[in-house]
Amino acid sequence: MKWLGDFGRFWYDFVIGDDWTIAVAVIIAIGLTSALVHRGWNAWPVLPVFVVAALAASSWRALR
């Protein structure tokens, strides 16, 4: 069962990495984009805007 723990740690490190806030922002952005698309909106710009904002916020926090 050691391989199961190793598998879980790999995916945690791959998805979360060093900054969990970026992972949360991307999940929220994907959810918001999906909700808007289901309502009939052309929502493709939402995801890049969220990702750029999350990266900018993360960089700002790292430089402080």
C-alpha atoms as a PDB file:
ATOM      1  CA  MET A   1       0.000   0.000   0.000  1.00  0.00           C
ATOM      2  CA  LYS A   2       3.051   2.268   0.015  1.00  0.00           C
ATOM      3  CA  TRP A   3       2.484   2.964  -3.681  1.00  0.00           C
ATOM      4  CA  LEU A   4      -0.966   4.409  -2.886  1.00  0.00           C
ATOM      5  CA  GLY A   5       0.539   6.950  -0.485  1.00  0.00           C
ATOM      6  CA  ASP A   6       3.259   7.796  -2.988  1.00  0.00           C
ATOM      7  CA  PHE A   7       0.632   8.237  -5.699  1.00  0.00           C
ATOM      8  CA  GLY A   8      -1.388  10.592  -3.484  1.00  0.00           C
ATOM      9  CA  ARG A   9       1.691  12.627  -2.531  1.00  0.00           C
ATOM     10  CA  PHE A  10       2.653  12.942  -6.196  1.00  0.00           C
ATOM     11  CA  TRP A  11      -0.750  14.340  -7.181  1.00  0.00           C
ATOM     12  CA  TYR A  12      -0.849  16.666  -4.167  1.00  0.00           C
ATOM     13  CA  ASP A  13       2.584  18.041  -5.067  1.00  0.00           C
ATOM     14  CA  PHE A  14       1.668  18.229  -8.761  1.00  0.00           C
ATOM     15  CA  VAL A  15      -1.635  20.082  -8.255  1.00  0.00           C
ATOM     16  CA  ILE A  16      -0.941  22.130  -5.138  1.00  0.00           C
ATOM     17  CA  GLY A  17       2.810  22.589  -5.452  1.00  0.00           C
ATOM     18  CA  ASP A  18       4.326  25.482  -3.562  1.00  0.00           C
ATOM     19  CA  ASP A  19       1.303  27.804  -3.544  1.00  0.00           C
ATOM     20  CA  TRP A  20      -2.132  26.416  -2.758  1.00  0.00           C
ATOM     21  CA  THR A  21      -3.782  29.760  -3.541  1.00  0.00           C
ATOM     22  CA  ILE A  22      -3.040  29.413  -7.250  1.00  0.00           C
ATOM     23  CA  ALA A  23      -4.637  25.950  -7.272  1.00  0.00           C
ATOM     24  CA  VAL A  24      -7.749  27.336  -5.548  1.00  0.00           C
ATOM     25  CA  ALA A  25      -7.917  30.302  -7.943  1.00  0.00           C
ATOM     26  CA  VAL A  26      -7.719  28.005 -10.967  1.00  0.00           C
ATOM     27  CA  ILE A  27     -10.460  25.743  -9.576  1.00  0.00           C
ATOM     28  CA  ILE A  28     -12.686  28.772  -8.936  1.00  0.00           C
ATOM     29  CA  ALA A  29     -11.958  30.138 -12.415  1.00  0.00           C
ATOM     30  CA  ILE A  30     -12.820  26.825 -14.075  1.00  0.00           C
ATOM     31  CA  GLY A  31     -16.047  26.600 -12.056  1.00  0.00           C
ATOM     32  CA  LEU A  32     -17.043  30.183 -12.892  1.00  0.00           C
ATOM     33  CA  THR A  33     -16.268  29.685 -16.571  1.00  0.00           C
ATOM     34  CA  SER A  34     -18.312  26.488 -16.613  1.00  0.00           C
ATOM     35  CA  ALA A  35     -21.260  28.160 -14.886  1.00  0.00           C
ATOM     36  CA  LEU A  36     -21.231  31.068 -17.322  1.00  0.00           C
ATOM     37  CA  VAL A  37     -20.998  28.774 -20.352  1.00  0.00           C
ATOM     38  CA  HIS A  38     -23.964  26.745 -19.088  1.00  0.00           C
ATOM     39  CA  ARG A  39     -25.935  29.998 -18.911  1.00  0.00           C
ATOM     40  CA  GLY A  40     -25.149  30.643 -22.579  1.00  0.00           C
ATOM     41  CA  TRP A  41     -22.422  33.242 -22.233  1.00  0.00           C
ATOM     42  CA  ASN A  42     -19.247  33.329 -24.285  1.00  0.00           C
ATOM     43  CA  ALA A  43     -17.020  33.100 -21.217  1.00  0.00           C
ATOM     44  CA  TRP A  44     -13.647  32.046 -22.602  1.00  0.00           C
ATOM     45  CA  PRO A  45     -11.845  35.246 -21.392  1.00  0.00           C
ATOM     46  CA  VAL A  46     -12.661  34.520 -17.741  1.00  0.00           C
ATOM     47  CA  LEU A  47     -10.083  31.763 -17.317  1.00  0.00           C
ATOM     48  CA  PRO A  48      -7.017  33.644 -18.667  1.00  0.00           C
ATOM     49  CA  VAL A  49      -7.917  36.748 -16.641  1.00  0.00           C
ATOM     50  CA  PHE A  50      -8.173  34.709 -13.428  1.00  0.00           C
ATOM     51  CA  VAL A  51      -4.917  32.884 -14.106  1.00  0.00           C
ATOM     52  CA  VAL A  52      -3.011  36.103 -14.836  1.00  0.00           C
ATOM     53  CA  ALA A  53      -4.468  37.723 -11.705  1.00  0.00           C
ATOM     54  CA  ALA A  54      -3.541  34.703  -9.573  1.00  0.00           C
ATOM     55  CA  LEU A  55       0.005  34.656 -10.913  1.00  0.00           C
ATOM     56  CA  ALA A  56       0.369  38.403 -10.349  1.00  0.00           C
ATOM     57  CA  ALA A  57      -0.911  38.071  -6.775  1.00  0.00           C
ATOM     58  CA  SER A  58       1.426  35.155  -6.104  1.00  0.00           C
ATOM     59  CA  SER A  59       4.406  37.053  -7.512  1.00  0.00           C
ATOM     60  CA  TRP A  60       3.518  40.109  -5.437  1.00  0.00           C
ATOM     61  CA  ARG A  61       3.346  37.995  -2.271  1.00  0.00           C
ATOM     62  CA  ALA A  62       6.690  36.364  -3.088  1.00  0.00           C
ATOM     63  CA  LEU A  63       8.409  39.706  -3.618  1.00  0.00           C
ATOM     64  CA  ARG A  64       7.209  41.153  -0.297  1.00  0.00           C
END
